[in-house]
Amino acid sequence: MTFAGSMNFPSLLRGKTYKEWQAGKNGSAWKEQLKSDIDEAIKNAATYEDCIELIRAKGYEIKGADFGEKAHKFISFRPLDRERFVRGSAKSLGTEYTKGRIRERIEEKALAKKKKRIPFPARKKPVVKDYSRKNLIDTTEDKFAESPGLKHWADIQNLKIAAASYSQAGSISELEKQIAAKSTLAKTARESLVETEHQLKDLGQVLKYAEQYKANRICHIRCQKSKDKDRYLRQHETELLLHDGAENMLKRFGIDTKNLDVEKLRSDYNALSSKKQALQKTYKTAEKESADLNRKLDNLNQYLDRTSEQAAVDKKVQKNQNTL
């Protein structure tokens, strides 16, 4: 029995029955899903690195993604419900899904957007202190009105904060694009995390019954071979009840007990646990980076005195540009 990362019973198959899921797994449908996920990641990613993180967040293991002299020639992907990796090669997935072509598609998209934008002059990054991590000082308080010196100091600090926030992004539209990319990454990782947690919960139940079935299987066999089955049943009633109960539950999950592999189930459970930890890290990092970028955008909006209506219009324009 093969039982990999995705559980093979109805509650986890997104509406598919076990037979439908198994048929798709043995065929080529999963490759089409992989290509669709790569396309979506390319569409939403600002950089090649972001694209790889988005694909991982969708539940794929990836190897060979790096470039360089010692890097692998091919990038490879593996959904957790499959045993082997598939290469991102012209033969396996098509010319649009090789490592080099994936990076080129992202660069082409970025270049097309850059041509539509009016470039802002480059700004130097702060040398001594990262003011972009700070919030603007509210100079409307009475103490600033009463102290011109304090007001002058606050104005200089706010100028440094706004300049630092701007210099790290290059433009407000670029900052908004980075926020959108990080938000998409966080959302994707969160969705995969929730799905993985459900899979872990259900797989934990299956593993429990599989271990219970295996531990009491010998009593069931001995009972069948016993010359005095009634006497054996009285002596081992608990073990036999546990065996029968576990067998019934496993059959409800659509698992063939004749080919039950407890070690494989345990290995799959550990793999899902590792996946959950990786997704949690990706999700938390993306959330934190998104919050930092939003703070910088708020600083710029406040410093430039952009009204909420202006900010809304700019956001709408940026959204339309991202969909082109």
C-alpha atoms as a PDB file:
ATOM      1  CA  MET A   1       0.000   0.000   0.000  1.00  0.00           C
ATOM      2  CA  THR A   2       1.321   3.427  -0.874  1.00  0.00           C
ATOM      3  CA  PHE A   3       0.239   6.092   1.576  1.00  0.00           C
ATOM      4  CA  ALA A   4       2.083   9.355   1.099  1.00  0.00           C
ATOM      5  CA  GLY A   5       1.609  12.908   2.381  1.00  0.00           C
ATOM      6  CA  SER A   6      -1.950  13.471   1.134  1.00  0.00           C
ATOM      7  CA  MET A   7      -4.426  11.163   2.885  1.00  0.00           C
ATOM      8  CA  ASN A   8      -6.269   8.750   0.634  1.00  0.00           C
ATOM      9  CA  PHE A   9      -9.782   8.944   1.998  1.00  0.00           C
ATOM     10  CA  PRO A  10     -12.684  11.243   1.139  1.00  0.00           C
ATOM     11  CA  SER A  11     -12.465  13.927   3.848  1.00  0.00           C
ATOM     12  CA  LEU A  12      -9.084  15.054   2.537  1.00  0.00           C
ATOM     13  CA  LEU A  13      -9.445  14.638  -1.201  1.00  0.00           C
ATOM     14  CA  ARG A  14     -11.192  17.933  -2.005  1.00  0.00           C
ATOM     15  CA  GLY A  15     -14.406  16.178  -2.994  1.00  0.00           C
ATOM     16  CA  LYS A  16     -12.815  13.204  -4.774  1.00  0.00           C
ATOM     17  CA  THR A  17     -13.431   9.591  -3.884  1.00  0.00           C
ATOM     18  CA  TYR A  18     -10.501   7.337  -3.114  1.00  0.00           C
ATOM     19  CA  LYS A  19     -10.711   5.607  -6.512  1.00  0.00           C
ATOM     20  CA  GLU A  20     -10.792   8.951  -8.346  1.00  0.00           C
ATOM     21  CA  TRP A  21      -7.835  10.229  -6.359  1.00  0.00           C
ATOM     22  CA  GLN A  22      -5.864   7.027  -6.918  1.00  0.00           C
ATOM     23  CA  ALA A  23      -6.570   7.151 -10.656  1.00  0.00           C
ATOM     24  CA  GLY A  24      -5.363  10.737 -10.839  1.00  0.00           C
ATOM     25  CA  LYS A  25      -2.249   9.855  -8.870  1.00  0.00           C
ATOM     26  CA  ASN A  26      -1.337   6.997 -11.192  1.00  0.00           C
ATOM     27  CA  GLY A  27      -2.011   9.103 -14.311  1.00  0.00           C
ATOM     28  CA  SER A  28      -0.706  12.474 -15.467  1.00  0.00           C
ATOM     29  CA  ALA A  29      -3.353  14.752 -13.911  1.00  0.00           C
ATOM     30  CA  TRP A  30      -1.006  15.686 -11.082  1.00  0.00           C
ATOM     31  CA  LYS A  31       1.551  17.049 -13.576  1.00  0.00           C
ATOM     32  CA  GLU A  32      -1.061  19.405 -15.002  1.00  0.00           C
ATOM     33  CA  GLN A  33      -1.821  20.574 -11.458  1.00  0.00           C
ATOM     34  CA  LEU A  34       1.910  21.115 -10.845  1.00  0.00           C
ATOM     35  CA  LYS A  35       2.229  23.243 -14.002  1.00  0.00           C
ATOM     36  CA  SER A  36      -0.856  25.226 -12.996  1.00  0.00           C
ATOM     37  CA  ASP A  37       0.645  25.878  -9.544  1.00  0.00           C
ATOM     38  CA  ILE A  38       3.953  26.982 -11.115  1.00  0.00           C
ATOM     39  CA  ASP A  39       2.093  29.337 -13.478  1.00  0.00           C
ATOM     40  CA  GLU A  40       0.211  30.884 -10.572  1.00  0.00           C
ATOM     41  CA  ALA A  41       3.412  31.302  -8.546  1.00  0.00           C
ATOM     42  CA  ILE A  42       5.129  33.035 -11.493  1.00  0.00           C
ATOM     43  CA  LYS A  43       2.141  35.367 -11.885  1.00  0.00           C
ATOM     44  CA  ASN A  44       2.207  36.417  -8.212  1.00  0.00           C
ATOM     45  CA  ALA A  45       5.960  36.437  -7.545  1.00  0.00           C
ATOM     46  CA  ALA A  46       8.130  39.531  -7.840  1.00  0.00           C
ATOM     47  CA  THR A  47      11.390  37.529  -7.909  1.00  0.00           C
ATOM     48  CA  TYR A  48      12.576  34.008  -8.702  1.00  0.00           C
ATOM     49  CA  GLU A  49      13.164  33.392  -4.992  1.00  0.00           C
ATOM     50  CA  ASP A  50       9.597  34.462  -4.159  1.00  0.00           C
ATOM     51  CA  CYS A  51       8.319  32.101  -6.847  1.00  0.00           C
ATOM     52  CA  ILE A  52      10.144  29.121  -5.326  1.00  0.00           C
ATOM     53  CA  GLU A  53       8.764  29.988  -1.885  1.00  0.00           C
ATOM     54  CA  LEU A  54       5.239  30.207  -3.292  1.00  0.00           C
ATOM     55  CA  ILE A  55       5.549  26.769  -4.909  1.00  0.00           C
ATOM     56  CA  ARG A  56       6.847  25.314  -1.634  1.00  0.00           C
ATOM     57  CA  ALA A  57       3.959  26.964   0.194  1.00  0.00           C
ATOM     58  CA  LYS A  58       1.574  25.088  -2.085  1.00  0.00           C
ATOM     59  CA  GLY A  59       2.901  21.821  -0.643  1.00  0.00           C
ATOM     60  CA  TYR A  60       5.749  20.807  -2.977  1.00  0.00           C
ATOM     61  CA  GLU A  61       9.241  19.678  -2.087  1.00  0.00           C
ATOM     62  CA  ILE A  62      11.798  21.289  -4.404  1.00  0.00           C
ATOM     63  CA  LYS A  63      15.441  20.508  -5.102  1.00  0.00           C
ATOM     64  CA  GLY A  64      17.928  21.924  -7.574  1.00  0.00           C
ATOM     65  CA  ALA A  65      16.400  25.416  -7.521  1.00  0.00           C
ATOM     66  CA  ASP A  66      19.726  27.246  -7.147  1.00  0.00           C
ATOM     67  CA  PHE A  67      21.898  28.601  -9.961  1.00  0.00           C
ATOM     68  CA  GLY A  68      25.684  28.465 -10.101  1.00  0.00           C
ATOM     69  CA  GLU A  69      28.611  26.320 -11.148  1.00  0.00           C
ATOM     70  CA  LYS A  70      27.853  23.513  -8.684  1.00  0.00           C
ATOM     71  CA  ALA A  71      24.069  23.731  -8.998  1.00  0.00           C
ATOM     72  CA  HIS A  72      21.972  20.898 -10.423  1.00  0.00           C
ATOM     73  CA  LYS A  73      21.128  21.172 -14.111  1.00  0.00           C
ATOM     74  CA  PHE A  74      17.433  20.558 -13.500  1.00  0.00           C
ATOM     75  CA  ILE A  75      14.993  21.802 -10.900  1.00  0.00           C
ATOM     76  CA  SER A  76      12.772  19.010  -9.526  1.00  0.00           C
ATOM     77  CA  PHE A  77       9.387  19.007  -7.813  1.00  0.00           C
ATOM     78  CA  ARG A  78       7.644  16.416  -5.646  1.00  0.00           C
ATOM     79  CA  PRO A  79       4.111  16.599  -4.243  1.00  0.00           C
ATOM     80  CA  LEU A  80       3.936  14.843  -0.902  1.00  0.00           C
ATOM     81  CA  ASP A  81       1.502  12.265  -2.276  1.00  0.00           C
ATOM     82  CA  ARG A  82       4.095  10.899  -4.706  1.00  0.00           C
ATOM     83  CA  GLU A  83       7.211   8.822  -4.236  1.00  0.00           C
ATOM     84  CA  ARG A  84       9.461  10.439  -6.842  1.00  0.00           C
ATOM     85  CA  PHE A  85      10.464  13.882  -8.033  1.00  0.00           C
ATOM     86  CA  VAL A  86       9.665  15.109 -11.535  1.00  0.00           C
ATOM     87  CA  ARG A  87      12.214  17.192 -13.384  1.00  0.00           C
ATOM     88  CA  GLY A  88      11.486  20.644 -14.683  1.00  0.00           C
ATOM     89  CA  SER A  89      12.733  19.656 -18.119  1.00  0.00           C
ATOM     90  CA  ALA A  90      11.392  19.987 -21.656  1.00  0.00           C
ATOM     91  CA  LYS A  91      10.722  16.247 -21.734  1.00  0.00           C
ATOM     92  CA  SER A  92       8.924  15.979 -18.382  1.00  0.00           C
ATOM     93  CA  LEU A  93       6.939  19.214 -17.995  1.00  0.00           C
ATOM     94  CA  GLY A  94       7.645  21.244 -21.124  1.00  0.00           C
ATOM     95  CA  THR A  95      10.025  24.009 -22.146  1.00  0.00           C
ATOM     96  CA  GLU A  96       8.121  26.664 -20.148  1.00  0.00           C
ATOM     97  CA  TYR A  97       8.879  24.882 -16.857  1.00  0.00           C
ATOM     98  CA  THR A  98      12.644  24.483 -16.899  1.00  0.00           C
ATOM     99  CA  LYS A  99      14.624  26.252 -14.180  1.00  0.00           C
ATOM    100  CA  GLY A 100      16.023  28.839 -16.545  1.00  0.00           C
ATOM    101  CA  ARG A 101      12.703  29.465 -18.253  1.00  0.00           C
ATOM    102  CA  ILE A 102      10.873  29.954 -14.954  1.00  0.00           C
ATOM    103  CA  ARG A 103      13.347  32.669 -13.995  1.00  0.00           C
ATOM    104  CA  GLU A 104      13.142  34.211 -17.464  1.00  0.00           C
ATOM    105  CA  ARG A 105       9.333  34.368 -17.301  1.00  0.00           C
ATOM    106  CA  ILE A 106       9.505  36.279 -14.013  1.00  0.00           C
ATOM    107  CA  GLU A 107      12.155  38.648 -15.370  1.00  0.00           C
ATOM    108  CA  GLU A 108      10.132  39.236 -18.544  1.00  0.00           C
ATOM    109  CA  LYS A 109       7.071  40.072 -16.469  1.00  0.00           C
ATOM    110  CA  ALA A 110       9.067  42.489 -14.292  1.00  0.00           C
ATOM    111  CA  LEU A 111      10.630  44.113 -17.378  1.00  0.00           C
ATOM    112  CA  ALA A 112       7.216  44.615 -18.980  1.00  0.00           C
ATOM    113  CA  LYS A 113       5.931  46.342 -15.850  1.00  0.00           C
ATOM    114  CA  LYS A 114       9.068  48.449 -15.548  1.00  0.00           C
ATOM    115  CA  LYS A 115       8.580  49.842 -19.056  1.00  0.00           C
ATOM    116  CA  LYS A 116       5.125  51.041 -18.065  1.00  0.00           C
ATOM    117  CA  ARG A 117       6.386  52.885 -14.993  1.00  0.00           C
ATOM    118  CA  ILE A 118       8.167  56.218 -14.813  1.00  0.00           C
ATOM    119  CA  PRO A 119      11.337  55.402 -12.868  1.00  0.00           C
ATOM    120  CA  PHE A 120      12.079  57.370  -9.716  1.00  0.00           C
ATOM    121  CA  PRO A 121      15.635  58.491  -9.013  1.00  0.00           C
ATOM    122  CA  ALA A 122      17.577  56.061  -6.882  1.00  0.00           C
ATOM    123  CA  ARG A 123      17.899  56.949  -3.211  1.00  0.00           C
ATOM    124  CA  LYS A 124      20.789  56.052  -0.970  1.00  0.00           C
ATOM    125  CA  LYS A 125      20.110  53.737   1.920  1.00  0.00           C
ATOM    126  CA  PRO A 126      20.678  55.089   5.431  1.00  0.00           C
ATOM    127  CA  VAL A 127      24.220  54.403   6.539  1.00  0.00           C
ATOM    128  CA  VAL A 128      24.051  54.608  10.315  1.00  0.00           C
ATOM    129  CA  LYS A 129      20.541  53.745  11.420  1.00  0.00           C
ATOM    130  CA  ASP A 130      17.552  52.022   9.833  1.00  0.00           C
ATOM    131  CA  TYR A 131      14.861  54.645  10.365  1.00  0.00           C
ATOM    132  CA  SER A 132      12.405  52.659   8.238  1.00  0.00           C
ATOM    133  CA  ARG A 133      11.694  50.454  11.268  1.00  0.00           C
ATOM    134  CA  LYS A 134      10.315  53.442  13.183  1.00  0.00           C
ATOM    135  CA  ASN A 135       6.874  55.040  13.098  1.00  0.00           C
ATOM    136  CA  LEU A 136       6.360  58.700  12.298  1.00  0.00           C
ATOM    137  CA  ILE A 137       6.171  61.056  15.260  1.00  0.00           C
ATOM    138  CA  ASP A 138       2.780  62.729  15.709  1.00  0.00           C
ATOM    139  CA  THR A 139       3.673  66.424  15.768  1.00  0.00           C
ATOM    140  CA  THR A 140       0.082  67.572  16.321  1.00  0.00           C
ATOM    141  CA  GLU A 141       0.407  67.133  20.076  1.00  0.00           C
ATOM    142  CA  ASP A 142       0.449  70.284  22.223  1.00  0.00           C
ATOM    143  CA  LYS A 143       4.028  69.788  23.379  1.00  0.00           C
ATOM    144  CA  PHE A 144       5.315  70.300  19.820  1.00  0.00           C
ATOM    145  CA  ALA A 145       3.297  73.489  19.389  1.00  0.00           C
ATOM    146  CA  GLU A 146       4.722  74.803  22.640  1.00  0.00           C
ATOM    147  CA  SER A 147       8.334  73.949  21.759  1.00  0.00           C
ATOM    148  CA  PRO A 148       9.652  75.024  18.318  1.00  0.00           C
ATOM    149  CA  GLY A 149      12.936  73.218  19.027  1.00  0.00           C
ATOM    150  CA  LEU A 150      11.156  69.935  19.766  1.00  0.00           C
ATOM    151  CA  LYS A 151       9.026  70.414  16.656  1.00  0.00           C
ATOM    152  CA  HIS A 152      12.145  70.985  14.537  1.00  0.00           C
ATOM    153  CA  TRP A 153      13.759  67.824  15.922  1.00  0.00           C
ATOM    154  CA  ALA A 154      10.602  65.763  15.252  1.00  0.00           C
ATOM    155  CA  ASP A 155      10.380  67.085  11.682  1.00  0.00           C
ATOM    156  CA  ILE A 156      13.960  65.980  11.014  1.00  0.00           C
ATOM    157  CA  GLN A 157      13.258  62.529  12.487  1.00  0.00           C
ATOM    158  CA  ASN A 158      10.138  62.157  10.365  1.00  0.00           C
ATOM    159  CA  LEU A 159      12.068  63.189   7.269  1.00  0.00           C
ATOM    160  CA  LYS A 160      14.659  60.478   7.976  1.00  0.00           C
ATOM    161  CA  ILE A 161      11.935  57.867   8.573  1.00  0.00           C
ATOM    162  CA  ALA A 162      10.119  58.740   5.347  1.00  0.00           C
ATOM    163  CA  ALA A 163      13.358  58.859   3.329  1.00  0.00           C
ATOM    164  CA  ALA A 164      14.489  55.485   4.673  1.00  0.00           C
ATOM    165  CA  SER A 165      11.111  53.897   3.895  1.00  0.00           C
ATOM    166  CA  TYR A 166      11.162  55.349   0.378  1.00  0.00           C
ATOM    167  CA  SER A 167      14.777  54.469  -0.409  1.00  0.00           C
ATOM    168  CA  GLN A 168      14.315  50.787   0.399  1.00  0.00           C
ATOM    169  CA  ALA A 169      11.398  50.497  -2.020  1.00  0.00           C
ATOM    170  CA  GLY A 170      12.252  53.032  -4.737  1.00  0.00           C
ATOM    171  CA  SER A 171       8.653  54.139  -5.149  1.00  0.00           C
ATOM    172  CA  ILE A 172       5.276  53.850  -3.479  1.00  0.00           C
ATOM    173  CA  SER A 173       3.989  51.622  -6.291  1.00  0.00           C
ATOM    174  CA  GLU A 174       6.983  49.293  -5.838  1.00  0.00           C
ATOM    175  CA  LEU A 175       6.311  49.176  -2.107  1.00  0.00           C
ATOM    176  CA  GLU A 176       2.669  48.293  -2.765  1.00  0.00           C
ATOM    177  CA  LYS A 177       3.787  45.559  -5.166  1.00  0.00           C
ATOM    178  CA  GLN A 178       6.087  44.074  -2.500  1.00  0.00           C
ATOM    179  CA  ILE A 179       3.236  44.131   0.004  1.00  0.00           C
ATOM    180  CA  ALA A 180       0.981  42.306  -2.465  1.00  0.00           C
ATOM    181  CA  ALA A 181       3.647  39.649  -3.092  1.00  0.00           C
ATOM    182  CA  LYS A 182       4.242  39.028   0.614  1.00  0.00           C
ATOM    183  CA  SER A 183       0.509  38.950   1.320  1.00  0.00           C
ATOM    184  CA  THR A 184       0.020  36.352  -1.424  1.00  0.00           C
ATOM    185  CA  LEU A 185       2.860  34.253  -0.019  1.00  0.00           C
ATOM    186  CA  ALA A 186       1.412  34.456   3.499  1.00  0.00           C
ATOM    187  CA  LYS A 187      -2.079  33.545   2.259  1.00  0.00           C
ATOM    188  CA  THR A 188      -0.817  30.594   0.210  1.00  0.00           C
ATOM    189  CA  ALA A 189       1.311  29.274   3.078  1.00  0.00           C
ATOM    190  CA  ARG A 190      -1.611  29.694   5.471  1.00  0.00           C
ATOM    191  CA  GLU A 191      -3.977  27.734   3.216  1.00  0.00           C
ATOM    192  CA  SER A 192      -1.433  24.922   2.815  1.00  0.00           C
ATOM    193  CA  LEU A 193      -0.805  24.969   6.574  1.00  0.00           C
ATOM    194  CA  VAL A 194      -4.510  24.554   7.385  1.00  0.00           C
ATOM    195  CA  GLU A 195      -4.809  21.696   4.883  1.00  0.00           C
ATOM    196  CA  THR A 196      -1.689  20.021   6.279  1.00  0.00           C
ATOM    197  CA  GLU A 197      -3.011  20.299   9.843  1.00  0.00           C
ATOM    198  CA  HIS A 198      -6.228  18.548   8.773  1.00  0.00           C
ATOM    199  CA  GLN A 199      -4.191  15.834   7.060  1.00  0.00           C
ATOM    200  CA  LEU A 200      -2.051  15.376  10.162  1.00  0.00           C
ATOM    201  CA  LYS A 201      -5.120  15.051  12.365  1.00  0.00           C
ATOM    202  CA  ASP A 202      -6.734  12.410  10.161  1.00  0.00           C
ATOM    203  CA  LEU A 203      -3.495  10.565   9.478  1.00  0.00           C
ATOM    204  CA  GLY A 204      -2.914  10.471  13.242  1.00  0.00           C
ATOM    205  CA  GLN A 205      -6.229   8.657  13.606  1.00  0.00           C
ATOM    206  CA  VAL A 206      -5.323   6.180  10.880  1.00  0.00           C
ATOM    207  CA  LEU A 207      -1.906   5.573  12.412  1.00  0.00           C
ATOM    208  CA  LYS A 208      -3.475   4.962  15.818  1.00  0.00           C
ATOM    209  CA  TYR A 209      -5.840   2.314  14.452  1.00  0.00           C
ATOM    210  CA  ALA A 210      -3.097   0.788  12.289  1.00  0.00           C
ATOM    211  CA  GLU A 211      -0.843   0.318  15.326  1.00  0.00           C
ATOM    212  CA  GLN A 212      -3.793  -1.039  17.323  1.00  0.00           C
ATOM    213  CA  TYR A 213      -4.604  -3.478  14.518  1.00  0.00           C
ATOM    214  CA  LYS A 214      -1.011  -4.639  14.200  1.00  0.00           C
ATOM    215  CA  ALA A 215      -0.513  -5.077  17.978  1.00  0.00           C
ATOM    216  CA  ASN A 216      -3.576  -7.321  18.333  1.00  0.00           C
ATOM    217  CA  ARG A 217      -3.365  -9.130  15.004  1.00  0.00           C
ATOM    218  CA  ILE A 218      -1.552 -12.118  16.523  1.00  0.00           C
ATOM    219  CA  CYS A 219      -4.433 -12.736  18.953  1.00  0.00           C
ATOM    220  CA  HIS A 220      -6.889 -12.745  16.084  1.00  0.00           C
ATOM    221  CA  ILE A 221      -4.794 -15.276  14.154  1.00  0.00           C
ATOM    222  CA  ARG A 222      -4.387 -17.539  17.184  1.00  0.00           C
ATOM    223  CA  CYS A 223      -8.107 -17.378  17.870  1.00  0.00           C
ATOM    224  CA  GLN A 224      -8.856 -18.520  14.336  1.00  0.00           C
ATOM    225  CA  LYS A 225      -6.473 -21.465  14.744  1.00  0.00           C
ATOM    226  CA  SER A 226      -7.530 -22.345  18.282  1.00  0.00           C
ATOM    227  CA  LYS A 227      -9.330 -25.660  18.825  1.00  0.00           C
ATOM    228  CA  ASP A 228     -11.360 -24.089  21.639  1.00  0.00           C
ATOM    229  CA  LYS A 229     -12.272 -20.673  20.243  1.00  0.00           C
ATOM    230  CA  ASP A 230     -14.751 -19.840  23.006  1.00  0.00           C
ATOM    231  CA  ARG A 231     -12.155 -20.393  25.699  1.00  0.00           C
ATOM    232  CA  TYR A 232      -9.534 -18.348  23.798  1.00  0.00           C
ATOM    233  CA  LEU A 233     -12.095 -15.582  23.259  1.00  0.00           C
ATOM    234  CA  ARG A 234     -12.826 -15.363  26.991  1.00  0.00           C
ATOM    235  CA  GLN A 235      -9.120 -15.151  27.790  1.00  0.00           C
ATOM    236  CA  HIS A 236      -8.306 -12.509  25.144  1.00  0.00           C
ATOM    237  CA  GLU A 237     -11.579 -10.660  24.741  1.00  0.00           C
ATOM    238  CA  THR A 238     -10.028  -7.185  25.065  1.00  0.00           C
ATOM    239  CA  GLU A 239      -7.321  -7.792  22.446  1.00  0.00           C
ATOM    240  CA  LEU A 240      -9.817  -9.291  20.002  1.00  0.00           C
ATOM    241  CA  LEU A 241     -12.246  -6.396  20.434  1.00  0.00           C
ATOM    242  CA  LEU A 242      -9.443  -3.911  19.833  1.00  0.00           C
ATOM    243  CA  HIS A 243      -8.403  -5.812  16.696  1.00  0.00           C
ATOM    244  CA  ASP A 244     -11.911  -5.911  15.257  1.00  0.00           C
ATOM    245  CA  GLY A 245     -12.592  -2.273  16.092  1.00  0.00           C
ATOM    246  CA  ALA A 246      -9.337  -1.131  14.468  1.00  0.00           C
ATOM    247  CA  GLU A 247     -10.014  -3.262  11.384  1.00  0.00           C
ATOM    248  CA  ASN A 248     -13.478  -1.738  10.930  1.00  0.00           C
ATOM    249  CA  MET A 249     -12.132   1.815  11.237  1.00  0.00           C
ATOM    250  CA  LEU A 250      -9.346   1.177   8.737  1.00  0.00           C
ATOM    251  CA  LYS A 251     -11.856  -0.209   6.236  1.00  0.00           C
ATOM    252  CA  ARG A 252     -13.968   2.938   6.693  1.00  0.00           C
ATOM    253  CA  PHE A 253     -10.898   4.941   5.716  1.00  0.00           C
ATOM    254  CA  GLY A 254     -10.614   2.855   2.544  1.00  0.00           C
ATOM    255  CA  ILE A 255      -7.399   1.107   3.602  1.00  0.00           C
ATOM    256  CA  ASP A 256      -6.619  -2.481   2.615  1.00  0.00           C
ATOM    257  CA  THR A 257      -5.563  -4.160   5.863  1.00  0.00           C
ATOM    258  CA  LYS A 258      -3.967  -7.047   3.962  1.00  0.00           C
ATOM    259  CA  ASN A 259      -1.225  -4.737   2.720  1.00  0.00           C
ATOM    260  CA  LEU A 260      -1.046  -2.483   5.775  1.00  0.00           C
ATOM    261  CA  ASP A 261       2.383  -0.889   6.255  1.00  0.00           C
ATOM    262  CA  VAL A 262       2.539   0.783   9.674  1.00  0.00           C
ATOM    263  CA  GLU A 263       6.111   1.979   9.191  1.00  0.00           C
ATOM    264  CA  LYS A 264       5.123   3.700   5.953  1.00  0.00           C
ATOM    265  CA  LEU A 265       2.222   5.394   7.707  1.00  0.00           C
ATOM    266  CA  ARG A 266       4.527   6.556  10.483  1.00  0.00           C
ATOM    267  CA  SER A 267       7.028   7.865   7.909  1.00  0.00           C
ATOM    268  CA  ASP A 268       4.241   9.769   6.143  1.00  0.00           C
ATOM    269  CA  TYR A 269       3.120  11.264   9.450  1.00  0.00           C
ATOM    270  CA  ASN A 270       6.661  12.473  10.191  1.00  0.00           C
ATOM    271  CA  ALA A 271       6.925  13.951   6.680  1.00  0.00           C
ATOM    272  CA  LEU A 272       3.690  15.869   7.198  1.00  0.00           C
ATOM    273  CA  SER A 273       4.946  17.132  10.560  1.00  0.00           C
ATOM    274  CA  SER A 274       8.100  18.460   8.900  1.00  0.00           C
ATOM    275  CA  LYS A 275       6.010  20.075   6.176  1.00  0.00           C
ATOM    276  CA  LYS A 276       3.826  21.745   8.810  1.00  0.00           C
ATOM    277  CA  GLN A 277       6.870  23.225  10.555  1.00  0.00           C
ATOM    278  CA  ALA A 278       8.244  24.574   7.259  1.00  0.00           C
ATOM    279  CA  LEU A 279       4.893  26.121   6.344  1.00  0.00           C
ATOM    280  CA  GLN A 280       4.574  27.719   9.776  1.00  0.00           C
ATOM    281  CA  LYS A 281       7.994  29.325   9.345  1.00  0.00           C
ATOM    282  CA  THR A 282       7.151  30.566   5.842  1.00  0.00           C
ATOM    283  CA  TYR A 283       3.790  31.926   6.986  1.00  0.00           C
ATOM    284  CA  LYS A 284       5.157  33.746  10.042  1.00  0.00           C
ATOM    285  CA  THR A 285       8.077  35.232   8.089  1.00  0.00           C
ATOM    286  CA  ALA A 286       5.811  36.461   5.292  1.00  0.00           C
ATOM    287  CA  GLU A 287       3.357  37.943   7.793  1.00  0.00           C
ATOM    288  CA  LYS A 288       6.161  39.800   9.594  1.00  0.00           C
ATOM    289  CA  GLU A 289       7.677  41.112   6.370  1.00  0.00           C
ATOM    290  CA  SER A 290       4.238  42.194   5.143  1.00  0.00           C
ATOM    291  CA  ALA A 291       3.636  44.084   8.411  1.00  0.00           C
ATOM    292  CA  ASP A 292       7.027  45.830   8.099  1.00  0.00           C
ATOM    293  CA  LEU A 293       6.274  46.885   4.519  1.00  0.00           C
ATOM    294  CA  ASN A 294       2.809  48.139   5.485  1.00  0.00           C
ATOM    295  CA  ARG A 295       4.344  50.238   8.255  1.00  0.00           C
ATOM    296  CA  LYS A 296       6.711  51.842   5.734  1.00  0.00           C
ATOM    297  CA  LEU A 297       3.804  52.560   3.395  1.00  0.00           C
ATOM    298  CA  ASP A 298       1.806  54.113   6.235  1.00  0.00           C
ATOM    299  CA  ASN A 299       4.788  56.313   7.112  1.00  0.00           C
ATOM    300  CA  LEU A 300       5.053  57.548   3.535  1.00  0.00           C
ATOM    301  CA  ASN A 301       1.319  58.154   3.209  1.00  0.00           C
ATOM    302  CA  GLN A 302       1.285  60.109   6.450  1.00  0.00           C
ATOM    303  CA  TYR A 303       4.442  62.107   5.692  1.00  0.00           C
ATOM    304  CA  LEU A 304       3.311  62.992   2.166  1.00  0.00           C
ATOM    305  CA  ASP A 305      -0.142  63.802   3.552  1.00  0.00           C
ATOM    306  CA  ARG A 306      -1.806  61.464   1.083  1.00  0.00           C
ATOM    307  CA  THR A 307      -5.505  61.288   1.843  1.00  0.00           C
ATOM    308  CA  SER A 308      -7.286  57.982   2.183  1.00  0.00           C
ATOM    309  CA  GLU A 309      -8.985  58.637  -1.151  1.00  0.00           C
ATOM    310  CA  GLN A 310      -5.664  59.218  -2.895  1.00  0.00           C
ATOM    311  CA  ALA A 311      -4.188  56.082  -1.352  1.00  0.00           C
ATOM    312  CA  ALA A 312      -7.240  54.076  -2.435  1.00  0.00           C
ATOM    313  CA  VAL A 313      -6.936  55.346  -6.015  1.00  0.00           C
ATOM    314  CA  ASP A 314      -3.216  54.496  -6.120  1.00  0.00           C
ATOM    315  CA  LYS A 315      -3.924  51.033  -4.745  1.00  0.00           C
ATOM    316  CA  LYS A 316      -6.596  50.452  -7.393  1.00  0.00           C
ATOM    317  CA  VAL A 317      -4.241  51.568 -10.163  1.00  0.00           C
ATOM    318  CA  GLN A 318      -1.490  49.302  -8.823  1.00  0.00           C
ATOM    319  CA  LYS A 319      -3.912  46.360  -8.660  1.00  0.00           C
ATOM    320  CA  ASN A 320      -4.880  46.894 -12.293  1.00  0.00           C
ATOM    321  CA  GLN A 321      -1.207  47.027 -13.297  1.00  0.00           C
ATOM    322  CA  ASN A 322      -0.508  43.752 -11.517  1.00  0.00           C
ATOM    323  CA  THR A 323      -3.279  42.000 -13.430  1.00  0.00           C
ATOM    324  CA  LEU A 324      -1.911  43.057 -16.817  1.00  0.00           C
END
